[in-house]
Amino acid sequence: MENLNWQIILSNIREAREELQELENLINSSEQPVEIELELSLRHAYHHMNSAWNIRNIETEKYTNITEAEFKAWGTFPLGFDSLEILEKDK
């Protein structure tokens, strides 16, 4: 099992949390977001949540020098996360 890179995991979790907090504040204000603003905010948060998992074993130096292709790939929904298979194994 590889070591987890908590520095970049935390950075991405923090970015996702900040985006969701901004969205929550906007929703609670008198200037609620329009649908495209909601979509863009959620996309941004998802990108960072996905990245937190997908880059969990990447060295910091590689992460700071990522290519556009890596940026896109690491921001995609993790394979297997749409399944409850892991939870079912614990039964």
PDB file of N, CA and C in Angstrom:
ATOM      1  N   MET A   1       0.838  -1.185   0.000  1.00  0.00           N
ATOM      2  CA  MET A   1       0.000   0.000   0.000  1.00  0.00           C
ATOM      3  C   MET A   1       0.880   1.245   0.000  1.00  0.00           C
ATOM      4  N   GLU A   2       0.563   2.163  -0.890  1.00  0.00           N
ATOM      5  CA  GLU A   2       1.361   3.374  -1.008  1.00  0.00           C
ATOM      6  C   GLU A   2       1.019   4.361   0.093  1.00  0.00           C
ATOM      7  N   ASN A   3       1.955   5.270   0.359  1.00  0.00           N
ATOM      8  CA  ASN A   3       1.713   6.316   1.345  1.00  0.00           C
ATOM      9  C   ASN A   3       0.729   7.339   0.808  1.00  0.00           C
ATOM     10  N   LEU A   4      -0.130   7.810   1.679  1.00  0.00           N
ATOM     11  CA  LEU A   4      -1.078   8.853   1.291  1.00  0.00           C
ATOM     12  C   LEU A   4      -0.391  10.206   1.408  1.00  0.00           C
ATOM     13  N   ASN A   5      -0.631  11.068   0.430  1.00  0.00           N
ATOM     14  CA  ASN A   5      -0.068  12.417   0.450  1.00  0.00           C
ATOM     15  C   ASN A   5      -1.101  13.356   1.075  1.00  0.00           C
ATOM     16  N   TRP A   6      -1.052  13.458   2.394  1.00  0.00           N
ATOM     17  CA  TRP A   6      -2.047  14.224   3.118  1.00  0.00           C
ATOM     18  C   TRP A   6      -2.015  15.707   2.770  1.00  0.00           C
ATOM     19  N   GLN A   7      -0.883  16.211   2.367  1.00  0.00           N
ATOM     20  CA  GLN A   7      -0.777  17.631   2.016  1.00  0.00           C
ATOM     21  C   GLN A   7      -1.687  17.980   0.840  1.00  0.00           C
ATOM     22  N   ILE A   8      -1.627  17.206  -0.230  1.00  0.00           N
ATOM     23  CA  ILE A   8      -2.461  17.543  -1.385  1.00  0.00           C
ATOM     24  C   ILE A   8      -3.894  17.040  -1.224  1.00  0.00           C
ATOM     25  N   ILE A   9      -4.092  16.003  -0.431  1.00  0.00           N
ATOM     26  CA  ILE A   9      -5.460  15.581  -0.114  1.00  0.00           C
ATOM     27  C   ILE A   9      -6.162  16.705   0.634  1.00  0.00           C
ATOM     28  N   LEU A  10      -5.517  17.205   1.682  1.00  0.00           N
ATOM     29  CA  LEU A  10      -6.094  18.280   2.482  1.00  0.00           C
ATOM     30  C   LEU A  10      -6.330  19.537   1.660  1.00  0.00           C
ATOM     31  N   SER A  11      -5.399  19.867   0.801  1.00  0.00           N
ATOM     32  CA  SER A  11      -5.552  21.051  -0.049  1.00  0.00           C
ATOM     33  C   SER A  11      -6.811  20.955  -0.904  1.00  0.00           C
ATOM     34  N   ASN A  12      -7.060  19.794  -1.482  1.00  0.00           N
ATOM     35  CA  ASN A  12      -8.238  19.614  -2.322  1.00  0.00           C
ATOM     36  C   ASN A  12      -9.522  19.565  -1.503  1.00  0.00           C
ATOM     37  N   ILE A  13      -9.484  18.946  -0.341  1.00  0.00           N
ATOM     38  CA  ILE A  13     -10.662  18.930   0.525  1.00  0.00           C
ATOM     39  C   ILE A  13     -11.002  20.346   0.966  1.00  0.00           C
ATOM     40  N   ARG A  14      -9.978  21.113   1.300  1.00  0.00           N
ATOM     41  CA  ARG A  14     -10.187  22.500   1.714  1.00  0.00           C
ATOM     42  C   ARG A  14     -10.830  23.314   0.582  1.00  0.00           C
ATOM     43  N   GLU A  15     -10.328  23.134  -0.631  1.00  0.00           N
ATOM     44  CA  GLU A  15     -10.891  23.857  -1.786  1.00  0.00           C
ATOM     45  C   GLU A  15     -12.360  23.490  -2.004  1.00  0.00           C
ATOM     46  N   ALA A  16     -12.672  22.199  -1.892  1.00  0.00           N
ATOM     47  CA  ALA A  16     -14.062  21.751  -2.066  1.00  0.00           C
ATOM     48  C   ALA A  16     -14.945  22.334  -0.968  1.00  0.00           C
ATOM     49  N   ARG A  17     -14.479  22.293   0.265  1.00  0.00           N
ATOM     50  CA  ARG A  17     -15.248  22.827   1.389  1.00  0.00           C
ATOM     51  C   ARG A  17     -15.499  24.317   1.224  1.00  0.00           C
ATOM     52  N   GLU A  18     -14.482  25.060   0.822  1.00  0.00           N
ATOM     53  CA  GLU A  18     -14.637  26.500   0.623  1.00  0.00           C
ATOM     54  C   GLU A  18     -15.652  26.804  -0.475  1.00  0.00           C
ATOM     55  N   GLU A  19     -15.616  26.032  -1.554  1.00  0.00           N
ATOM     56  CA  GLU A  19     -16.577  26.231  -2.643  1.00  0.00           C
ATOM     57  C   GLU A  19     -17.997  25.949  -2.156  1.00  0.00           C
ATOM     58  N   LEU A  20     -18.168  24.867  -1.417  1.00  0.00           N
ATOM     59  CA  LEU A  20     -19.495  24.524  -0.902  1.00  0.00           C
ATOM     60  C   LEU A  20     -19.973  25.547   0.127  1.00  0.00           C
ATOM     61  N   GLN A  21     -19.057  26.088   0.930  1.00  0.00           N
ATOM     62  CA  GLN A  21     -19.433  27.114   1.897  1.00  0.00           C
ATOM     63  C   GLN A  21     -19.890  28.382   1.187  1.00  0.00           C
ATOM     64  N   GLU A  22     -19.182  28.764   0.139  1.00  0.00           N
ATOM     65  CA  GLU A  22     -19.582  29.937  -0.646  1.00  0.00           C
ATOM     66  C   GLU A  22     -20.959  29.721  -1.277  1.00  0.00           C
ATOM     67  N   LEU A  23     -21.186  28.518  -1.775  1.00  0.00           N
ATOM     68  CA  LEU A  23     -22.476  28.205  -2.378  1.00  0.00           C
ATOM     69  C   LEU A  23     -23.581  28.245  -1.322  1.00  0.00           C
ATOM     70  N   GLU A  24     -23.318  27.672  -0.170  1.00  0.00           N
ATOM     71  CA  GLU A  24     -24.302  27.698   0.907  1.00  0.00           C
ATOM     72  C   GLU A  24     -24.625  29.136   1.316  1.00  0.00           C
ATOM     73  N   ASN A  25     -23.605  29.964   1.443  1.00  0.00           N
ATOM     74  CA  ASN A  25     -23.820  31.365   1.802  1.00  0.00           C
ATOM     75  C   ASN A  25     -24.656  32.082   0.746  1.00  0.00           C
ATOM     76  N   LEU A  26     -24.380  31.800  -0.509  1.00  0.00           N
ATOM     77  CA  LEU A  26     -25.129  32.423  -1.594  1.00  0.00           C
ATOM     78  C   LEU A  26     -26.591  31.968  -1.584  1.00  0.00           C
ATOM     79  N   ILE A  27     -26.808  30.690  -1.357  1.00  0.00           N
ATOM     80  CA  ILE A  27     -28.173  30.158  -1.301  1.00  0.00           C
ATOM     81  C   ILE A  27     -28.947  30.800  -0.153  1.00  0.00           C
ATOM     82  N   ASN A  28     -28.288  31.024   0.967  1.00  0.00           N
ATOM     83  CA  ASN A  28     -28.934  31.618   2.132  1.00  0.00           C
ATOM     84  C   ASN A  28     -29.110  33.136   2.022  1.00  0.00           C
ATOM     85  N   SER A  29     -28.522  33.737   1.010  1.00  0.00           N
ATOM     86  CA  SER A  29     -28.628  35.189   0.837  1.00  0.00           C
ATOM     87  C   SER A  29     -29.855  35.531   0.005  1.00  0.00           C
ATOM     88  N   SER A  30     -30.070  36.795  -0.152  1.00  0.00           N
ATOM     89  CA  SER A  30     -31.195  37.244  -0.979  1.00  0.00           C
ATOM     90  C   SER A  30     -30.880  37.121  -2.473  1.00  0.00           C
ATOM     91  N   GLU A  31     -29.626  36.856  -2.800  1.00  0.00           N
ATOM     92  CA  GLU A  31     -29.207  36.720  -4.201  1.00  0.00           C
ATOM     93  C   GLU A  31     -28.868  35.259  -4.494  1.00  0.00           C
ATOM     94  N   GLN A  32     -29.852  34.400  -4.436  1.00  0.00           N
ATOM     95  CA  GLN A  32     -29.613  32.984  -4.677  1.00  0.00           C
ATOM     96  C   GLN A  32     -29.061  32.757  -6.082  1.00  0.00           C
ATOM     97  N   PRO A  33     -28.240  31.721  -6.234  1.00  0.00           N
ATOM     98  CA  PRO A  33     -27.614  31.475  -7.534  1.00  0.00           C
ATOM     99  C   PRO A  33     -28.628  30.997  -8.574  1.00  0.00           C
ATOM    100  N   VAL A  34     -28.329  31.321  -9.816  1.00  0.00           N
ATOM    101  CA  VAL A  34     -29.109  30.748 -10.914  1.00  0.00           C
ATOM    102  C   VAL A  34     -28.543  29.357 -11.185  1.00  0.00           C
ATOM    103  N   GLU A  35     -29.242  28.589 -11.989  1.00  0.00           N
ATOM    104  CA  GLU A  35     -28.865  27.191 -12.188  1.00  0.00           C
ATOM    105  C   GLU A  35     -27.436  27.013 -12.677  1.00  0.00           C
ATOM    106  N   ILE A  36     -26.975  27.857 -13.597  1.00  0.00           N
ATOM    107  CA  ILE A  36     -25.606  27.698 -14.117  1.00  0.00           C
ATOM    108  C   ILE A  36     -24.583  27.968 -13.022  1.00  0.00           C
ATOM    109  N   GLU A  37     -24.867  28.892 -12.118  1.00  0.00           N
ATOM    110  CA  GLU A  37     -23.958  29.158 -11.000  1.00  0.00           C
ATOM    111  C   GLU A  37     -23.912  27.959 -10.054  1.00  0.00           C
ATOM    112  N   LEU A  38     -25.066  27.354  -9.819  1.00  0.00           N
ATOM    113  CA  LEU A  38     -25.126  26.143  -9.003  1.00  0.00           C
ATOM    114  C   LEU A  38     -24.294  25.038  -9.644  1.00  0.00           C
ATOM    115  N   GLU A  39     -24.494  24.846 -10.934  1.00  0.00           N
ATOM    116  CA  GLU A  39     -23.755  23.798 -11.646  1.00  0.00           C
ATOM    117  C   GLU A  39     -22.249  24.032 -11.572  1.00  0.00           C
ATOM    118  N   LEU A  40     -21.814  25.247 -11.845  1.00  0.00           N
ATOM    119  CA  LEU A  40     -20.376  25.533 -11.836  1.00  0.00           C
ATOM    120  C   LEU A  40     -19.775  25.353 -10.450  1.00  0.00           C
ATOM    121  N   SER A  41     -20.497  25.771  -9.421  1.00  0.00           N
ATOM    122  CA  SER A  41     -19.996  25.596  -8.054  1.00  0.00           C
ATOM    123  C   SER A  41     -19.883  24.122  -7.696  1.00  0.00           C
ATOM    124  N   LEU A  42     -20.901  23.344  -8.033  1.00  0.00           N
ATOM    125  CA  LEU A  42     -20.853  21.920  -7.727  1.00  0.00           C
ATOM    126  C   LEU A  42     -19.777  21.208  -8.534  1.00  0.00           C
ATOM    127  N   ARG A  43     -19.616  21.599  -9.796  1.00  0.00           N
ATOM    128  CA  ARG A  43     -18.548  21.011 -10.616  1.00  0.00           C
ATOM    129  C   ARG A  43     -17.177  21.279  -9.987  1.00  0.00           C
ATOM    130  N   HIS A  44     -16.981  22.514  -9.515  1.00  0.00           N
ATOM    131  CA  HIS A  44     -15.714  22.887  -8.896  1.00  0.00           C
ATOM    132  C   HIS A  44     -15.466  22.059  -7.635  1.00  0.00           C
ATOM    133  N   ALA A  45     -16.498  21.927  -6.794  1.00  0.00           N
ATOM    134  CA  ALA A  45     -16.358  21.137  -5.570  1.00  0.00           C
ATOM    135  C   ALA A  45     -16.090  19.670  -5.898  1.00  0.00           C
ATOM    136  N   TYR A  46     -16.857  19.109  -6.845  1.00  0.00           N
ATOM    137  CA  TYR A  46     -16.649  17.707  -7.241  1.00  0.00           C
ATOM    138  C   TYR A  46     -15.230  17.488  -7.768  1.00  0.00           C
ATOM    139  N   HIS A  47     -14.745  18.430  -8.563  1.00  0.00           N
ATOM    140  CA  HIS A  47     -13.397  18.298  -9.116  1.00  0.00           C
ATOM    141  C   HIS A  47     -12.382  18.113  -7.984  1.00  0.00           C
ATOM    142  N   HIS A  48     -12.509  18.936  -6.946  1.00  0.00           N
ATOM    143  CA  HIS A  48     -11.555  18.843  -5.844  1.00  0.00           C
ATOM    144  C   HIS A  48     -11.764  17.594  -4.998  1.00  0.00           C
ATOM    145  N   MET A  49     -12.998  17.183  -4.798  1.00  0.00           N
ATOM    146  CA  MET A  49     -13.253  15.941  -4.059  1.00  0.00           C
ATOM    147  C   MET A  49     -12.687  14.745  -4.832  1.00  0.00           C
ATOM    148  N   ASN A  50     -12.946  14.720  -6.129  1.00  0.00           N
ATOM    149  CA  ASN A  50     -12.419  13.636  -6.962  1.00  0.00           C
ATOM    150  C   ASN A  50     -10.895  13.641  -6.948  1.00  0.00           C
ATOM    151  N   SER A  51     -10.319  14.823  -7.075  1.00  0.00           N
ATOM    152  CA  SER A  51      -8.858  14.940  -7.067  1.00  0.00           C
ATOM    153  C   SER A  51      -8.274  14.462  -5.752  1.00  0.00           C
ATOM    154  N   ALA A  52      -8.932  14.790  -4.634  1.00  0.00           N
ATOM    155  CA  ALA A  52      -8.427  14.364  -3.327  1.00  0.00           C
ATOM    156  C   ALA A  52      -8.223  12.853  -3.293  1.00  0.00           C
ATOM    157  N   TRP A  53      -9.117  12.107  -3.921  1.00  0.00           N
ATOM    158  CA  TRP A  53      -8.979  10.657  -3.954  1.00  0.00           C
ATOM    159  C   TRP A  53      -7.992  10.212  -5.033  1.00  0.00           C
ATOM    160  N   ASN A  54      -8.154  10.750  -6.220  1.00  0.00           N
ATOM    161  CA  ASN A  54      -7.349  10.278  -7.356  1.00  0.00           C
ATOM    162  C   ASN A  54      -5.863  10.584  -7.212  1.00  0.00           C
ATOM    163  N   ILE A  55      -5.505  11.595  -6.450  1.00  0.00           N
ATOM    164  CA  ILE A  55      -4.097  11.974  -6.311  1.00  0.00           C
ATOM    165  C   ILE A  55      -3.537  11.589  -4.949  1.00  0.00           C
ATOM    166  N   ARG A  56      -4.251  10.796  -4.211  1.00  0.00           N
ATOM    167  CA  ARG A  56      -3.872  10.490  -2.835  1.00  0.00           C
ATOM    168  C   ARG A  56      -2.475   9.899  -2.693  1.00  0.00           C
ATOM    169  N   ASN A  57      -1.949   9.274  -3.741  1.00  0.00           N
ATOM    170  CA  ASN A  57      -0.621   8.658  -3.685  1.00  0.00           C
ATOM    171  C   ASN A  57       0.411   9.370  -4.557  1.00  0.00           C
ATOM    172  N   ILE A  58       0.049  10.525  -5.091  1.00  0.00           N
ATOM    173  CA  ILE A  58       0.951  11.259  -5.979  1.00  0.00           C
ATOM    174  C   ILE A  58       1.922  12.095  -5.159  1.00  0.00           C
ATOM    175  N   GLU A  59       3.169  12.114  -5.563  1.00  0.00           N
ATOM    176  CA  GLU A  59       4.162  12.939  -4.880  1.00  0.00           C
ATOM    177  C   GLU A  59       3.851  14.418  -5.119  1.00  0.00           C
ATOM    178  N   THR A  60       4.125  15.235  -4.118  1.00  0.00           N
ATOM    179  CA  THR A  60       3.811  16.661  -4.188  1.00  0.00           C
ATOM    180  C   THR A  60       4.462  17.319  -5.402  1.00  0.00           C
ATOM    181  N   GLU A  61       5.705  16.966  -5.694  1.00  0.00           N
ATOM    182  CA  GLU A  61       6.397  17.571  -6.838  1.00  0.00           C
ATOM    183  C   GLU A  61       5.665  17.283  -8.146  1.00  0.00           C
ATOM    184  N   LYS A  62       5.196  16.063  -8.318  1.00  0.00           N
ATOM    185  CA  LYS A  62       4.446  15.716  -9.533  1.00  0.00           C
ATOM    186  C   LYS A  62       3.139  16.490  -9.580  1.00  0.00           C
ATOM    187  N   TYR A  63       2.476  16.616  -8.422  1.00  0.00           N
ATOM    188  CA  TYR A  63       1.200  17.335  -8.362  1.00  0.00           C
ATOM    189  C   TYR A  63       1.367  18.809  -8.721  1.00  0.00           C
ATOM    190  N   THR A  64       2.444  19.404  -8.308  1.00  0.00           N
ATOM    191  CA  THR A  64       2.649  20.832  -8.599  1.00  0.00           C
ATOM    192  C   THR A  64       3.052  21.080 -10.048  1.00  0.00           C
ATOM    193  N   ASN A  65       3.384  20.017 -10.776  1.00  0.00           N
ATOM    194  CA  ASN A  65       3.776  20.152 -12.184  1.00  0.00           C
ATOM    195  C   ASN A  65       2.877  19.319 -13.091  1.00  0.00           C
ATOM    196  N   ILE A  66       1.578  19.274 -12.800  1.00  0.00           N
ATOM    197  CA  ILE A  66       0.672  18.418 -13.570  1.00  0.00           C
ATOM    198  C   ILE A  66       0.405  18.987 -14.961  1.00  0.00           C
ATOM    199  N   THR A  67       0.129  18.077 -15.852  1.00  0.00           N
ATOM    200  CA  THR A  67      -0.232  18.462 -17.214  1.00  0.00           C
ATOM    201  C   THR A  67      -1.738  18.726 -17.269  1.00  0.00           C
ATOM    202  N   GLU A  68      -2.208  19.289 -18.332  1.00  0.00           N
ATOM    203  CA  GLU A  68      -3.638  19.522 -18.517  1.00  0.00           C
ATOM    204  C   GLU A  68      -4.390  18.196 -18.534  1.00  0.00           C
ATOM    205  N   ALA A  69      -3.809  17.189 -19.169  1.00  0.00           N
ATOM    206  CA  ALA A  69      -4.445  15.865 -19.220  1.00  0.00           C
ATOM    207  C   ALA A  69      -4.556  15.256 -17.823  1.00  0.00           C
ATOM    208  N   GLU A  70      -3.507  15.389 -16.998  1.00  0.00           N
ATOM    209  CA  GLU A  70      -3.560  14.877 -15.631  1.00  0.00           C
ATOM    210  C   GLU A  70      -4.597  15.636 -14.806  1.00  0.00           C
ATOM    211  N   PHE A  71      -4.649  16.956 -14.979  1.00  0.00           N
ATOM    212  CA  PHE A  71      -5.630  17.784 -14.276  1.00  0.00           C
ATOM    213  C   PHE A  71      -7.045  17.294 -14.556  1.00  0.00           C
ATOM    214  N   LYS A  72      -7.329  17.032 -15.811  1.00  0.00           N
ATOM    215  CA  LYS A  72      -8.659  16.542 -16.195  1.00  0.00           C
ATOM    216  C   LYS A  72      -8.902  15.135 -15.667  1.00  0.00           C
ATOM    217  N   ALA A  73      -7.920  14.260 -15.815  1.00  0.00           N
ATOM    218  CA  ALA A  73      -8.088  12.868 -15.385  1.00  0.00           C
ATOM    219  C   ALA A  73      -8.245  12.773 -13.875  1.00  0.00           C
ATOM    220  N   TRP A  74      -7.443  13.499 -13.133  1.00  0.00           N
ATOM    221  CA  TRP A  74      -7.501  13.428 -11.681  1.00  0.00           C
ATOM    222  C   TRP A  74      -8.787  14.041 -11.135  1.00  0.00           C
ATOM    223  N   GLY A  75      -9.443  14.895 -11.902  1.00  0.00           N
ATOM    224  CA  GLY A  75     -10.680  15.516 -11.455  1.00  0.00           C
ATOM    225  C   GLY A  75     -11.923  14.716 -11.783  1.00  0.00           C
ATOM    226  N   THR A  76     -11.765  13.562 -12.418  1.00  0.00           N
ATOM    227  CA  THR A  76     -12.932  12.746 -12.781  1.00  0.00           C
ATOM    228  C   THR A  76     -13.368  11.871 -11.613  1.00  0.00           C
ATOM    229  N   PHE A  77     -14.629  11.464 -11.661  1.00  0.00           N
ATOM    230  CA  PHE A  77     -15.197  10.636 -10.602  1.00  0.00           C
ATOM    231  C   PHE A  77     -14.401   9.341 -10.498  1.00  0.00           C
ATOM    232  N   PRO A  78     -13.947   8.961  -9.295  1.00  0.00           N
ATOM    233  CA  PRO A  78     -13.127   7.764  -9.128  1.00  0.00           C
ATOM    234  C   PRO A  78     -13.856   6.483  -9.531  1.00  0.00           C
ATOM    235  N   LEU A  79     -13.141   5.619 -10.205  1.00  0.00           N
ATOM    236  CA  LEU A  79     -13.698   4.321 -10.600  1.00  0.00           C
ATOM    237  C   LEU A  79     -14.079   3.530  -9.354  1.00  0.00           C
ATOM    238  N   GLY A  80     -15.239   2.937  -9.387  1.00  0.00           N
ATOM    239  CA  GLY A  80     -15.691   2.107  -8.294  1.00  0.00           C
ATOM    240  C   GLY A  80     -16.439   2.845  -7.201  1.00  0.00           C
ATOM    241  N   PHE A  81     -16.424   4.167  -7.212  1.00  0.00           N
ATOM    242  CA  PHE A  81     -17.106   4.922  -6.165  1.00  0.00           C
ATOM    243  C   PHE A  81     -18.620   4.891  -6.331  1.00  0.00           C
ATOM    244  N   ASP A  82     -19.088   4.492  -7.486  1.00  0.00           N
ATOM    245  CA  ASP A  82     -20.528   4.436  -7.700  1.00  0.00           C
ATOM    246  C   ASP A  82     -21.097   3.090  -7.247  1.00  0.00           C
ATOM    247  N   SER A  83     -20.278   2.291  -6.620  1.00  0.00           N
ATOM    248  CA  SER A  83     -20.690   0.970  -6.163  1.00  0.00           C
ATOM    249  C   SER A  83     -20.587   0.897  -4.641  1.00  0.00           C
ATOM    250  N   LEU A  84     -21.456   0.124  -4.047  1.00  0.00           N
ATOM    251  CA  LEU A  84     -21.402  -0.096  -2.602  1.00  0.00           C
ATOM    252  C   LEU A  84     -20.662  -1.385  -2.273  1.00  0.00           C
ATOM    253  N   GLU A  85     -19.889  -1.877  -3.230  1.00  0.00           N
ATOM    254  CA  GLU A  85     -19.206  -3.156  -3.091  1.00  0.00           C
ATOM    255  C   GLU A  85     -18.380  -3.243  -1.817  1.00  0.00           C
ATOM    256  N   ILE A  86     -17.636  -2.219  -1.470  1.00  0.00           N
ATOM    257  CA  ILE A  86     -16.782  -2.250  -0.280  1.00  0.00           C
ATOM    258  C   ILE A  86     -17.656  -2.412   0.962  1.00  0.00           C
ATOM    259  N   LEU A  87     -18.759  -1.659   1.025  1.00  0.00           N
ATOM    260  CA  LEU A  87     -19.642  -1.755   2.179  1.00  0.00           C
ATOM    261  C   LEU A  87     -20.276  -3.148   2.283  1.00  0.00           C
ATOM    262  N   GLU A  88     -20.566  -3.741   1.152  1.00  0.00           N
ATOM    263  CA  GLU A  88     -21.194  -5.050   1.154  1.00  0.00           C
ATOM    264  C   GLU A  88     -20.236  -6.126   1.656  1.00  0.00           C
ATOM    265  N   LYS A  89     -18.934  -5.937   1.457  1.00  0.00           N
ATOM    266  CA  LYS A  89     -17.956  -6.923   1.909  1.00  0.00           C
ATOM    267  C   LYS A  89     -17.884  -6.996   3.437  1.00  0.00           C
ATOM    268  N   ASP A  90     -18.230  -5.893   4.106  1.00  0.00           N
ATOM    269  CA  ASP A  90     -18.165  -5.837   5.557  1.00  0.00           C
ATOM    270  C   ASP A  90     -19.310  -6.554   6.240  1.00  0.00           C
ATOM    271  N   LYS A  91     -20.347  -6.935   5.491  1.00  0.00           N
ATOM    272  CA  LYS A  91     -21.519  -7.589   6.089  1.00  0.00           C
ATOM    273  C   LYS A  91     -21.226  -9.021   6.470  1.00  0.00           C
TER     274      LYS A  91
END
